[in-house]
Amino acid sequence: MALGDQDIEGLTDKVLPRRLGPKRATKIRKLFNLTKEDDVRNLECLQIFLGKPTRIIAPKIQRLITPTVIGRRKRLLRKKIQQRQKSREEAAAYHKLMTKFAKVRRPTTLLFVPFVNLYYFVNF
């Protein structure tokens, strides 16, 4: 939509402040030109309602990386690595057990002895 020749009074002649600010942490950083190290929790766009009890409403910031989130990610990664290690150890133990069983229970093969003309069952 393009502007006309003249401003419309009360509509296009004044700039209104934002009613609602961004909720996402990266959008707040972009709005205030912050880096990743800066804290975005104190730069929220607050709504202040003046009345008998003055109320201040702040949005809950989404995608906020807190020490709790970092600890949770580390814990899950550590659990995944430990599970992989345990799985490898169990696979090695199973392989060792199967090779032991294979040595104990070798297949019996039929051996033909031509001089005696008998079949002997011999374990190889």
Protein backbone atom coordinates (compact mmCIF):
# COMPACT_ATOMS: atom_id res chain seq x y z
CA MET A 1 0.00 0.00 0.00
CA ALA A 2 1.42 3.37 -1.00
CA LEU A 3 1.01 6.63 0.85
CA GLY A 4 -0.99 9.35 -0.78
CA ASP A 5 -0.09 13.01 -1.22
CA GLN A 6 -1.29 14.03 2.21
CA ASP A 7 -1.17 12.39 5.62
CA ILE A 8 -4.42 11.22 7.14
CA GLU A 9 -4.87 12.94 10.45
CA GLY A 10 -4.62 10.53 13.39
CA LEU A 11 -3.63 7.60 11.19
CA THR A 12 -0.46 8.24 9.19
CA ASP A 13 0.81 11.45 10.73
CA LYS A 14 2.11 9.96 14.00
CA VAL A 15 4.19 6.94 14.96
CA LEU A 16 2.83 4.78 17.75
CA PRO A 17 5.14 2.78 20.02
CA ARG A 18 5.08 -1.00 19.91
CA ARG A 19 2.22 -2.44 21.89
CA LEU A 20 3.80 -5.87 22.25
CA GLY A 21 7.47 -6.70 22.10
CA PRO A 22 9.11 -9.87 20.84
CA LYS A 23 9.05 -13.03 22.96
CA ARG A 24 11.84 -15.00 21.34
CA ALA A 25 15.33 -14.39 22.71
CA THR A 26 16.94 -13.99 19.27
CA LYS A 27 14.29 -11.47 18.21
CA ILE A 28 14.92 -9.44 21.38
CA ARG A 29 18.66 -9.50 20.62
CA LYS A 30 17.97 -8.33 17.09
CA LEU A 31 15.67 -5.52 18.27
CA PHE A 32 18.18 -4.15 20.79
CA ASN A 33 21.37 -5.01 18.79
CA LEU A 34 22.76 -7.35 21.45
CA THR A 35 25.34 -10.11 21.29
CA LYS A 36 24.87 -13.70 22.44
CA GLU A 37 26.64 -12.96 25.72
CA ASP A 38 24.25 -10.14 26.70
CA ASP A 39 21.36 -10.90 29.03
CA VAL A 40 17.97 -10.44 27.37
CA ARG A 41 15.88 -10.96 30.51
CA ASN A 42 16.13 -7.36 31.66
CA LEU A 43 15.32 -5.92 28.21
CA GLU A 44 11.78 -7.25 27.93
CA CYS A 45 9.04 -5.05 26.56
CA LEU A 46 6.90 -4.58 29.63
CA GLN A 47 3.22 -3.69 29.66
CA ILE A 48 2.37 -1.40 32.55
CA PHE A 49 -1.27 -1.12 33.59
CA LEU A 50 -1.90 1.90 35.75
CA GLY A 51 -4.76 1.54 38.17
CA LYS A 52 -5.41 0.97 41.80
CA PRO A 53 -3.00 -1.96 41.84
CA THR A 54 -0.37 -1.06 39.25
CA ARG A 55 0.34 -4.21 37.26
CA ILE A 56 3.38 -4.93 35.15
CA ILE A 57 3.14 -7.78 32.66
CA ALA A 58 6.23 -9.18 30.98
CA PRO A 59 6.23 -11.88 28.32
CA LYS A 60 7.84 -15.24 29.03
CA ILE A 61 10.97 -15.36 26.91
CA GLN A 62 11.15 -18.46 24.71
CA ARG A 63 14.34 -20.20 23.53
CA LEU A 64 16.27 -18.73 26.43
CA ILE A 65 19.50 -20.59 27.14
CA THR A 66 19.83 -20.76 30.92
CA PRO A 67 22.29 -22.72 33.09
CA THR A 68 19.49 -25.25 33.66
CA VAL A 69 19.12 -25.82 29.91
CA ILE A 70 22.89 -26.17 29.48
CA GLY A 71 23.04 -28.66 32.37
CA ARG A 72 20.16 -30.67 30.92
CA ARG A 73 21.83 -30.87 27.51
CA LYS A 74 25.13 -31.95 29.08
CA ARG A 75 23.35 -34.57 31.19
CA LEU A 76 21.52 -36.03 28.18
CA LEU A 77 24.72 -36.08 26.11
CA ARG A 78 26.61 -37.76 28.97
CA LYS A 79 23.83 -40.34 29.30
CA LYS A 80 23.93 -41.06 25.56
CA ILE A 81 27.73 -41.53 25.63
CA GLN A 82 27.51 -43.82 28.68
CA GLN A 83 24.78 -45.88 27.02
CA ARG A 84 26.90 -46.26 23.89
CA GLN A 85 29.89 -47.35 26.00
CA LYS A 86 27.75 -49.86 27.91
CA SER A 87 26.34 -51.24 24.67
CA ARG A 88 29.85 -51.74 23.26
CA GLU A 89 31.00 -53.50 26.42
CA GLU A 90 27.95 -55.79 26.40
CA ALA A 91 28.50 -56.58 22.70
CA ALA A 92 32.14 -57.46 23.39
CA ALA A 93 31.15 -59.70 26.31
CA TYR A 94 28.50 -61.42 24.17
CA HIS A 95 30.99 -61.96 21.35
CA LYS A 96 33.50 -63.43 23.81
CA LEU A 97 30.84 -65.77 25.21
CA MET A 98 29.77 -66.90 21.74
CA THR A 99 33.36 -67.67 20.70
CA LYS A 100 33.76 -69.68 23.90
CA PHE A 101 30.61 -71.67 23.09
CA ALA A 102 31.79 -72.18 19.52
CA LYS A 103 35.07 -73.67 20.76
CA VAL A 104 33.29 -76.00 23.19
CA ARG A 105 30.59 -77.14 20.80
CA ARG A 106 32.33 -77.77 17.51
CA PRO A 107 30.35 -79.55 14.81
CA THR A 108 30.85 -83.30 14.52
CA THR A 109 31.94 -84.26 11.04
CA LEU A 110 31.83 -87.65 9.37
CA LEU A 111 35.24 -89.16 8.64
CA PHE A 112 35.64 -92.06 6.24
CA VAL A 113 38.49 -94.46 6.98
CA PRO A 114 39.04 -96.64 3.87
CA PHE A 115 41.02 -99.48 5.48
CA VAL A 116 38.56 -100.34 8.20
CA ASN A 117 35.51 -99.33 6.19
CA LEU A 118 33.85 -97.76 9.21
CA TYR A 119 32.57 -94.33 9.88
CA TYR A 120 33.90 -92.62 12.94
CA PHE A 121 32.46 -89.51 14.48
CA VAL A 122 35.34 -87.27 15.24
CA ASN A 123 35.26 -83.85 16.84
CA PHE A 124 37.31 -81.31 14.95
